[in-house]
PDB file of all heavy atoms in Angstrom:
ATOM      1  N   VAL A   1     -12.190 -18.115   6.952  1.00  0.00           N
ATOM      2  CA  VAL A   1     -13.582 -18.136   6.832  1.00  0.00           C
ATOM      3  C   VAL A   1     -14.271 -18.363   8.147  1.00  0.00           C
ATOM      4  O   VAL A   1     -13.823 -19.123   9.012  1.00  0.00           O
ATOM      5  CB  VAL A   1     -13.946 -19.421   5.865  1.00  0.00           C
ATOM      6  CG1 VAL A   1     -15.424 -19.520   5.674  1.00  0.00           C
ATOM      7  CG2 VAL A   1     -13.294 -19.207   4.579  1.00  0.00           C
ATOM      8  N   ALA A   2     -15.438 -17.693   8.307  1.00  0.00           N
ATOM      9  CA  ALA A   2     -16.053 -17.645   9.681  1.00  0.00           C
ATOM     10  C   ALA A   2     -16.611 -18.934  10.034  1.00  0.00           C
ATOM     11  O   ALA A   2     -16.709 -19.388  11.191  1.00  0.00           O
ATOM     12  CB  ALA A   2     -17.210 -16.656   9.657  1.00  0.00           C
ATOM     13  N   SER A   3     -17.082 -19.783   9.056  1.00  0.00           N
ATOM     14  CA  SER A   3     -17.657 -21.149   9.393  1.00  0.00           C
ATOM     15  C   SER A   3     -16.721 -22.248   8.845  1.00  0.00           C
ATOM     16  O   SER A   3     -16.560 -22.309   7.590  1.00  0.00           O
ATOM     17  CB  SER A   3     -19.048 -21.185   8.770  1.00  0.00           C
ATOM     18  OG  SER A   3     -19.054 -20.983   7.405  1.00  0.00           O
ATOM     19  N   GLY A   4     -16.223 -23.052   9.653  1.00  0.00           N
ATOM     20  CA  GLY A   4     -15.420 -24.147   9.172  1.00  0.00           C
ATOM     21  C   GLY A   4     -13.952 -23.667   9.057  1.00  0.00           C
ATOM     22  O   GLY A   4     -13.590 -22.497   9.065  1.00  0.00           O
ATOM     23  N   CYS A   5     -13.122 -24.696   8.776  1.00  0.00           N
ATOM     24  CA  CYS A   5     -11.678 -24.386   8.478  1.00  0.00           C
ATOM     25  C   CYS A   5     -11.431 -24.362   7.055  1.00  0.00           C
ATOM     26  O   CYS A   5     -11.908 -25.072   6.230  1.00  0.00           O
ATOM     27  CB  CYS A   5     -10.893 -25.533   9.118  1.00  0.00           C
ATOM     28  SG  CYS A   5     -11.038 -25.711  10.919  1.00  0.00           S
ATOM     29  N   ALA A   6     -10.638 -23.366   6.638  1.00  0.00           N
ATOM     30  CA  ALA A   6     -10.267 -23.134   5.204  1.00  0.00           C
ATOM     31  C   ALA A   6      -9.262 -24.197   4.858  1.00  0.00           C
ATOM     32  O   ALA A   6      -8.444 -24.631   5.576  1.00  0.00           O
ATOM     33  CB  ALA A   6      -9.669 -21.781   5.041  1.00  0.00           C
ATOM     34  N   PRO A   7      -9.322 -24.686   3.537  1.00  0.00           N
ATOM     35  CA  PRO A   7      -8.424 -25.721   3.128  1.00  0.00           C
ATOM     36  C   PRO A   7      -7.025 -25.178   2.932  1.00  0.00           C
ATOM     37  O   PRO A   7      -6.811 -23.925   2.918  1.00  0.00           O
ATOM     38  CB  PRO A   7      -8.974 -26.047   1.719  1.00  0.00           C
ATOM     39  CG  PRO A   7      -9.744 -24.907   1.327  1.00  0.00           C
ATOM     40  CD  PRO A   7     -10.233 -24.287   2.487  1.00  0.00           C
ATOM     41  N   GLU A   8      -6.029 -26.087   2.900  1.00  0.00           N
ATOM     42  CA  GLU A   8      -4.670 -25.618   2.684  1.00  0.00           C
ATOM     43  C   GLU A   8      -4.561 -24.857   1.344  1.00  0.00           C
ATOM     44  O   GLU A   8      -5.096 -25.250   0.406  1.00  0.00           O
ATOM     45  CB  GLU A   8      -3.797 -26.860   2.677  1.00  0.00           C
ATOM     46  CG  GLU A   8      -2.280 -26.478   2.535  1.00  0.00           C
ATOM     47  CD  GLU A   8      -1.382 -27.674   2.497  1.00  0.00           C
ATOM     48  OE1 GLU A   8      -1.930 -28.773   2.865  1.00  0.00           O
ATOM     49  OE2 GLU A   8      -0.207 -27.533   2.274  1.00  0.00           O
ATOM     50  N   ALA A   9      -3.936 -23.718   1.427  1.00  0.00           N
ATOM     51  CA  ALA A   9      -3.772 -22.859   0.281  1.00  0.00           C
ATOM     52  C   ALA A   9      -2.961 -23.566  -0.764  1.00  0.00           C
ATOM     53  O   ALA A   9      -1.865 -24.156  -0.475  1.00  0.00           O
ATOM     54  CB  ALA A   9      -3.206 -21.533   0.616  1.00  0.00           C
ATOM     55  N   PRO A  10      -3.438 -23.438  -2.043  1.00  0.00           N
ATOM     56  CA  PRO A  10      -2.575 -24.145  -3.120  1.00  0.00           C
ATOM     57  C   PRO A  10      -1.373 -23.279  -3.440  1.00  0.00           C
ATOM     58  O   PRO A  10      -1.224 -22.098  -3.043  1.00  0.00           O
ATOM     59  CB  PRO A  10      -3.649 -24.181  -4.274  1.00  0.00           C
ATOM     60  CG  PRO A  10      -4.486 -22.967  -4.007  1.00  0.00           C
ATOM     61  CD  PRO A  10      -4.607 -22.866  -2.510  1.00  0.00           C
ATOM     62  N   ALA A  11      -0.509 -23.889  -4.286  1.00  0.00           N
ATOM     63  CA  ALA A  11       0.591 -23.149  -4.757  1.00  0.00           C
ATOM     64  C   ALA A  11       0.176 -21.939  -5.561  1.00  0.00           C
ATOM     65  O   ALA A  11      -0.884 -22.035  -6.222  1.00  0.00           O
ATOM     66  CB  ALA A  11       1.505 -23.980  -5.563  1.00  0.00           C
ATOM     67  N   PRO A  12       0.823 -20.796  -5.574  1.00  0.00           N
ATOM     68  CA  PRO A  12       0.472 -19.703  -6.324  1.00  0.00           C
ATOM     69  C   PRO A  12       0.324 -19.931  -7.854  1.00  0.00           C
ATOM     70  O   PRO A  12       1.010 -20.732  -8.337  1.00  0.00           O
ATOM     71  CB  PRO A  12       1.575 -18.600  -6.063  1.00  0.00           C
ATOM     72  CG  PRO A  12       2.153 -19.095  -4.761  1.00  0.00           C
ATOM     73  CD  PRO A  12       2.063 -20.507  -4.773  1.00  0.00           C
ATOM     74  N   VAL A  13      -0.616 -19.304  -8.436  1.00  0.00           N
ATOM     75  CA  VAL A  13      -0.863 -19.481  -9.808  1.00  0.00           C
ATOM     76  C   VAL A  13      -0.484 -18.157 -10.593  1.00  0.00           C
ATOM     77  O   VAL A  13      -0.318 -17.133  -9.911  1.00  0.00           O
ATOM     78  CB  VAL A  13      -2.356 -19.914 -10.174  1.00  0.00           C
ATOM     79  CG1 VAL A  13      -2.648 -21.256  -9.501  1.00  0.00           C
ATOM     80  CG2 VAL A  13      -3.284 -18.785  -9.629  1.00  0.00           C
ATOM     81  N   ALA A  14      -0.476 -18.221 -11.825  1.00  0.00           N
ATOM     82  CA  ALA A  14      -0.129 -16.953 -12.630  1.00  0.00           C
ATOM     83  C   ALA A  14      -1.187 -15.915 -12.302  1.00  0.00           C
ATOM     84  O   ALA A  14      -2.311 -16.137 -12.130  1.00  0.00           O
ATOM     85  CB  ALA A  14      -0.188 -17.300 -14.169  1.00  0.00           C
ATOM     86  N   GLY A  15      -0.665 -14.649 -12.143  1.00  0.00           N
ATOM     87  CA  GLY A  15      -1.558 -13.540 -11.846  1.00  0.00           C
ATOM     88  C   GLY A  15      -0.650 -12.448 -11.307  1.00  0.00           C
ATOM     89  O   GLY A  15       0.394 -12.259 -11.703  1.00  0.00           O
ATOM     90  N   ASN A  16      -1.295 -11.700 -10.417  1.00  0.00           N
ATOM     91  CA  ASN A  16      -0.645 -10.487  -9.860  1.00  0.00           C
ATOM     92  C   ASN A  16       0.280 -10.875  -8.700  1.00  0.00           C
ATOM     93  O   ASN A  16      -0.037 -10.535  -7.516  1.00  0.00           O
ATOM     94  CB  ASN A  16      -1.741  -9.548  -9.431  1.00  0.00           C
ATOM     95  CG  ASN A  16      -1.165  -8.212  -8.917  1.00  0.00           C
ATOM     96  OD1 ASN A  16      -0.008  -7.946  -9.264  1.00  0.00           O
ATOM     97  ND2 ASN A  16      -1.886  -7.385  -8.267  1.00  0.00           N
ATOM     98  N   GLN A  17       1.298 -11.637  -9.005  1.00  0.00           N
ATOM     99  CA  GLN A  17       2.190 -12.202  -7.904  1.00  0.00           C
ATOM    100  C   GLN A  17       2.998 -11.183  -7.162  1.00  0.00           C
ATOM    101  O   GLN A  17       3.373 -11.413  -6.045  1.00  0.00           O
ATOM    102  CB  GLN A  17       3.023 -13.293  -8.511  1.00  0.00           C
ATOM    103  CG  GLN A  17       2.260 -14.531  -9.051  1.00  0.00           C
ATOM    104  CD  GLN A  17       1.334 -15.155  -8.105  1.00  0.00           C
ATOM    105  OE1 GLN A  17       1.687 -15.357  -6.909  1.00  0.00           O
ATOM    106  NE2 GLN A  17       0.036 -15.336  -8.419  1.00  0.00           N
ATOM    107  N   ALA A  18       3.235 -10.071  -7.816  1.00  0.00           N
ATOM    108  CA  ALA A  18       4.117  -9.166  -7.201  1.00  0.00           C
ATOM    109  C   ALA A  18       3.625  -8.563  -5.830  1.00  0.00           C
ATOM    110  O   ALA A  18       4.311  -8.141  -5.041  1.00  0.00           O
ATOM    111  CB  ALA A  18       4.488  -7.930  -8.194  1.00  0.00           C
ATOM    112  N   SER A  19       2.288  -8.526  -5.776  1.00  0.00           N
ATOM    113  CA  SER A  19       1.573  -7.896  -4.574  1.00  0.00           C
ATOM    114  C   SER A  19       0.958  -8.873  -3.657  1.00  0.00           C
ATOM    115  O   SER A  19       0.162  -8.518  -2.787  1.00  0.00           O
ATOM    116  CB  SER A  19       0.565  -6.844  -5.018  1.00  0.00           C
ATOM    117  OG  SER A  19      -0.405  -7.469  -5.861  1.00  0.00           O
ATOM    118  N   THR A  20       1.269 -10.168  -3.845  1.00  0.00           N
ATOM    119  CA  THR A  20       0.688 -11.221  -2.943  1.00  0.00           C
ATOM    120  C   THR A  20       1.770 -11.871  -2.098  1.00  0.00           C
ATOM    121  O   THR A  20       2.983 -11.802  -2.390  1.00  0.00           O
ATOM    122  CB  THR A  20      -0.018 -12.290  -3.813  1.00  0.00           C
ATOM    123  OG1 THR A  20       0.946 -12.935  -4.675  1.00  0.00           O
ATOM    124  CG2 THR A  20      -1.059 -11.805  -4.719  1.00  0.00           C
ATOM    125  N   ARG A  21       1.297 -12.557  -1.075  1.00  0.00           N
ATOM    126  CA  ARG A  21       2.170 -13.250  -0.147  1.00  0.00           C
ATOM    127  C   ARG A  21       2.189 -14.714  -0.452  1.00  0.00           C
ATOM    128  O   ARG A  21       1.326 -15.128  -1.295  1.00  0.00           O
ATOM    129  CB  ARG A  21       1.771 -13.016   1.341  1.00  0.00           C
ATOM    130  CG  ARG A  21       1.955 -11.557   1.782  1.00  0.00           C
ATOM    131  CD  ARG A  21       1.647 -11.542   3.321  1.00  0.00           C
ATOM    132  NE  ARG A  21       0.222 -11.564   3.539  1.00  0.00           N
ATOM    133  CZ  ARG A  21      -0.492 -10.502   3.713  1.00  0.00           C
ATOM    134  NH1 ARG A  21       0.011  -9.254   3.592  1.00  0.00           N
ATOM    135  NH2 ARG A  21      -1.734 -10.555   4.038  1.00  0.00           N
ATOM    136  N   PRO A  22       3.176 -15.478  -0.078  1.00  0.00           N
ATOM    137  CA  PRO A  22       3.218 -16.913  -0.375  1.00  0.00           C
ATOM    138  C   PRO A  22       1.909 -17.568  -0.013  1.00  0.00           C
ATOM    139  O   PRO A  22       1.374 -17.439   1.111  1.00  0.00           O
ATOM    140  CB  PRO A  22       4.363 -17.463   0.524  1.00  0.00           C
ATOM    141  CG  PRO A  22       5.234 -16.245   0.745  1.00  0.00           C
ATOM    142  CD  PRO A  22       4.344 -15.017   0.808  1.00  0.00           C
ATOM    143  N   GLY A  23       1.433 -18.372  -0.940  1.00  0.00           N
ATOM    144  CA  GLY A  23       0.236 -19.095  -0.738  1.00  0.00           C
ATOM    145  C   GLY A  23      -1.057 -18.370  -1.273  1.00  0.00           C
ATOM    146  O   GLY A  23      -2.101 -18.964  -1.437  1.00  0.00           O
ATOM    147  N   GLU A  24      -0.973 -17.093  -1.502  1.00  0.00           N
ATOM    148  CA  GLU A  24      -2.143 -16.314  -1.982  1.00  0.00           C
ATOM    149  C   GLU A  24      -2.062 -16.358  -3.539  1.00  0.00           C
ATOM    150  O   GLU A  24      -0.973 -16.388  -4.172  1.00  0.00           O
ATOM    151  CB  GLU A  24      -2.036 -14.867  -1.505  1.00  0.00           C
ATOM    152  CG  GLU A  24      -2.294 -14.737  -0.064  1.00  0.00           C
ATOM    153  CD  GLU A  24      -2.034 -13.301   0.543  1.00  0.00           C
ATOM    154  OE1 GLU A  24      -1.499 -12.515  -0.264  1.00  0.00           O
ATOM    155  OE2 GLU A  24      -2.481 -13.091   1.644  1.00  0.00           O
ATOM    156  N   ILE A  25      -3.214 -16.278  -4.094  1.00  0.00           N
ATOM    157  CA  ILE A  25      -3.347 -16.301  -5.587  1.00  0.00           C
ATOM    158  C   ILE A  25      -3.693 -14.931  -6.147  1.00  0.00           C
ATOM    159  O   ILE A  25      -3.586 -14.759  -7.400  1.00  0.00           O
ATOM    160  CB  ILE A  25      -4.397 -17.279  -6.014  1.00  0.00           C
ATOM    161  CG1 ILE A  25      -5.754 -16.914  -5.418  1.00  0.00           C
ATOM    162  CG2 ILE A  25      -3.956 -18.687  -5.681  1.00  0.00           C
ATOM    163  CD1 ILE A  25      -6.874 -17.887  -5.980  1.00  0.00           C
ATOM    164  N   GLY A  26      -4.004 -13.944  -5.406  1.00  0.00           N
ATOM    165  CA  GLY A  26      -4.418 -12.674  -5.949  1.00  0.00           C
ATOM    166  C   GLY A  26      -4.746 -11.633  -4.851  1.00  0.00           C
ATOM    167  O   GLY A  26      -4.763 -11.895  -3.632  1.00  0.00           O
ATOM    168  N   VAL A  27      -5.029 -10.454  -5.307  1.00  0.00           N
ATOM    169  CA  VAL A  27      -5.440  -9.258  -4.454  1.00  0.00           C
ATOM    170  C   VAL A  27      -6.841  -8.814  -4.894  1.00  0.00           C
ATOM    171  O   VAL A  27      -7.114  -8.674  -6.125  1.00  0.00           O
ATOM    172  CB  VAL A  27      -4.412  -8.151  -4.552  1.00  0.00           C
ATOM    173  CG1 VAL A  27      -4.910  -6.902  -3.874  1.00  0.00           C
ATOM    174  CG2 VAL A  27      -3.054  -8.593  -4.071  1.00  0.00           C
ATOM    175  N   ILE A  28      -7.642  -8.585  -3.991  1.00  0.00           N
ATOM    176  CA  ILE A  28      -9.047  -8.048  -4.262  1.00  0.00           C
ATOM    177  C   ILE A  28      -9.279  -6.875  -3.420  1.00  0.00           C
ATOM    178  O   ILE A  28      -9.132  -6.823  -2.204  1.00  0.00           O
ATOM    179  CB  ILE A  28     -10.145  -9.097  -3.897  1.00  0.00           C
ATOM    180  CG1 ILE A  28      -9.926 -10.366  -4.843  1.00  0.00           C
ATOM    181  CG2 ILE A  28     -11.509  -8.533  -4.113  1.00  0.00           C
ATOM    182  CD1 ILE A  28     -10.973 -11.421  -4.644  1.00  0.00           C
ATOM    183  N   GLU A  29      -9.598  -5.719  -4.064  1.00  0.00           N
ATOM    184  CA  GLU A  29      -9.935  -4.456  -3.450  1.00  0.00           C
ATOM    185  C   GLU A  29     -11.509  -4.447  -3.257  1.00  0.00           C
ATOM    186  O   GLU A  29     -12.289  -4.827  -4.161  1.00  0.00           O
ATOM    187  CB  GLU A  29      -9.516  -3.280  -4.346  1.00  0.00           C
ATOM    188  CG  GLU A  29      -8.049  -3.151  -4.556  1.00  0.00           C
ATOM    189  CD  GLU A  29      -7.325  -2.459  -3.503  1.00  0.00           C
ATOM    190  OE1 GLU A  29      -8.010  -1.906  -2.579  1.00  0.00           O
ATOM    191  OE2 GLU A  29      -6.074  -2.261  -3.612  1.00  0.00           O
ATOM    192  N   VAL A  30     -11.932  -3.940  -2.110  1.00  0.00           N
ATOM    193  CA  VAL A  30     -13.386  -3.780  -1.847  1.00  0.00           C
ATOM    194  C   VAL A  30     -13.666  -2.342  -1.359  1.00  0.00           C
ATOM    195  O   VAL A  30     -12.687  -1.692  -0.947  1.00  0.00           O
ATOM    196  CB  VAL A  30     -13.832  -4.869  -0.819  1.00  0.00           C
ATOM    197  CG1 VAL A  30     -13.625  -6.204  -1.270  1.00  0.00           C
ATOM    198  CG2 VAL A  30     -13.111  -4.569   0.516  1.00  0.00           C
ATOM    199  N   THR A  31     -14.845  -1.985  -1.322  1.00  0.00           N
ATOM    200  CA  THR A  31     -15.271  -0.544  -1.024  1.00  0.00           C
ATOM    201  C   THR A  31     -16.126  -0.450   0.224  1.00  0.00           C
ATOM    202  O   THR A  31     -16.459   0.698   0.559  1.00  0.00           O
ATOM    203  CB  THR A  31     -15.961   0.076  -2.261  1.00  0.00           C
ATOM    204  OG1 THR A  31     -17.149  -0.622  -2.583  1.00  0.00           O
ATOM    205  CG2 THR A  31     -15.033   0.185  -3.441  1.00  0.00           C
ATOM    206  N   ASN A  32     -16.538  -1.547   0.843  1.00  0.00           N
ATOM    207  CA  ASN A  32     -17.191  -1.367   2.096  1.00  0.00           C
ATOM    208  C   ASN A  32     -16.971  -2.663   2.931  1.00  0.00           C
ATOM    209  O   ASN A  32     -16.510  -3.774   2.334  1.00  0.00           O
ATOM    210  CB  ASN A  32     -18.643  -1.042   1.949  1.00  0.00           C
ATOM    211  CG  ASN A  32     -19.463  -1.963   1.161  1.00  0.00           C
ATOM    212  OD1 ASN A  32     -19.239  -3.195   1.249  1.00  0.00           O
ATOM    213  ND2 ASN A  32     -20.457  -1.443   0.382  1.00  0.00           N
ATOM    214  N   GLU A  33     -17.379  -2.695   4.138  1.00  0.00           N
ATOM    215  CA  GLU A  33     -17.166  -3.779   5.026  1.00  0.00           C
ATOM    216  C   GLU A  33     -18.030  -5.077   4.645  1.00  0.00           C
ATOM    217  O   GLU A  33     -17.593  -6.276   4.643  1.00  0.00           O
ATOM    218  CB  GLU A  33     -17.422  -3.476   6.475  1.00  0.00           C
ATOM    219  CG  GLU A  33     -17.211  -4.642   7.463  1.00  0.00           C
ATOM    220  CD  GLU A  33     -15.787  -5.153   7.455  1.00  0.00           C
ATOM    221  OE1 GLU A  33     -14.831  -4.447   7.016  1.00  0.00           O
ATOM    222  OE2 GLU A  33     -15.590  -6.330   7.901  1.00  0.00           O
ATOM    223  N   PRO A  34     -19.322  -4.886   4.234  1.00  0.00           N
ATOM    224  CA  PRO A  34     -20.107  -6.052   3.813  1.00  0.00           C
ATOM    225  C   PRO A  34     -19.387  -6.791   2.699  1.00  0.00           C
ATOM    226  O   PRO A  34     -19.385  -8.007   2.654  1.00  0.00           O
ATOM    227  CB  PRO A  34     -21.333  -5.398   3.357  1.00  0.00           C
ATOM    228  CG  PRO A  34     -21.536  -4.186   4.166  1.00  0.00           C
ATOM    229  CD  PRO A  34     -20.166  -3.631   4.262  1.00  0.00           C
ATOM    230  N   LEU A  35     -18.841  -6.065   1.671  1.00  0.00           N
ATOM    231  CA  LEU A  35     -18.194  -6.760   0.550  1.00  0.00           C
ATOM    232  C   LEU A  35     -16.928  -7.402   1.019  1.00  0.00           C
ATOM    233  O   LEU A  35     -16.506  -8.455   0.584  1.00  0.00           O
ATOM    234  CB  LEU A  35     -17.899  -5.739  -0.521  1.00  0.00           C
ATOM    235  CG  LEU A  35     -19.157  -5.162  -1.271  1.00  0.00           C
ATOM    236  CD1 LEU A  35     -18.764  -4.145  -2.282  1.00  0.00           C
ATOM    237  CD2 LEU A  35     -19.978  -6.327  -1.819  1.00  0.00           C
ATOM    238  N   ALA A  36     -16.162  -6.805   1.941  1.00  0.00           N
ATOM    239  CA  ALA A  36     -15.033  -7.417   2.511  1.00  0.00           C
ATOM    240  C   ALA A  36     -15.349  -8.714   3.210  1.00  0.00           C
ATOM    241  O   ALA A  36     -14.645  -9.718   3.005  1.00  0.00           O
ATOM    242  CB  ALA A  36     -14.277  -6.436   3.542  1.00  0.00           C
ATOM    243  N   TRP A  37     -16.421  -8.675   3.915  1.00  0.00           N
ATOM    244  CA  TRP A  37     -16.911  -9.927   4.578  1.00  0.00           C
ATOM    245  C   TRP A  37     -17.232 -11.021   3.619  1.00  0.00           C
ATOM    246  O   TRP A  37     -16.831 -12.182   3.744  1.00  0.00           O
ATOM    247  CB  TRP A  37     -18.101  -9.575   5.542  1.00  0.00           C
ATOM    248  CG  TRP A  37     -18.767 -10.809   6.156  1.00  0.00           C
ATOM    249  CD1 TRP A  37     -18.217 -11.488   7.193  1.00  0.00           C
ATOM    250  CD2 TRP A  37     -19.888 -11.396   5.739  1.00  0.00           C
ATOM    251  NE1 TRP A  37     -19.098 -12.533   7.532  1.00  0.00           N
ATOM    252  CE2 TRP A  37     -20.144 -12.481   6.662  1.00  0.00           C
ATOM    253  CE3 TRP A  37     -20.825 -11.168   4.745  1.00  0.00           C
ATOM    254  CZ2 TRP A  37     -21.248 -13.305   6.516  1.00  0.00           C
ATOM    255  CZ3 TRP A  37     -22.014 -11.963   4.614  1.00  0.00           C
ATOM    256  CH2 TRP A  37     -22.126 -13.093   5.574  1.00  0.00           C
ATOM    257  N   VAL A  38     -17.932 -10.619   2.538  1.00  0.00           N
ATOM    258  CA  VAL A  38     -18.260 -11.584   1.561  1.00  0.00           C
ATOM    259  C   VAL A  38     -17.070 -12.205   0.818  1.00  0.00           C
ATOM    260  O   VAL A  38     -16.959 -13.424   0.727  1.00  0.00           O
ATOM    261  CB  VAL A  38     -19.179 -10.880   0.426  1.00  0.00           C
ATOM    262  CG1 VAL A  38     -19.266 -11.784  -0.815  1.00  0.00           C
ATOM    263  CG2 VAL A  38     -20.571 -10.575   0.977  1.00  0.00           C
TER     264      VAL A  38
END
């Protein structure tokens, strides 16, 4: 996050785990840079 430090990532939860890395909870696709930033 651009402002401040992000908290420690929680343990993974149920979801699309096959395509995530350790500590991530999911995958989000975006269609332009403003949305990626958001």
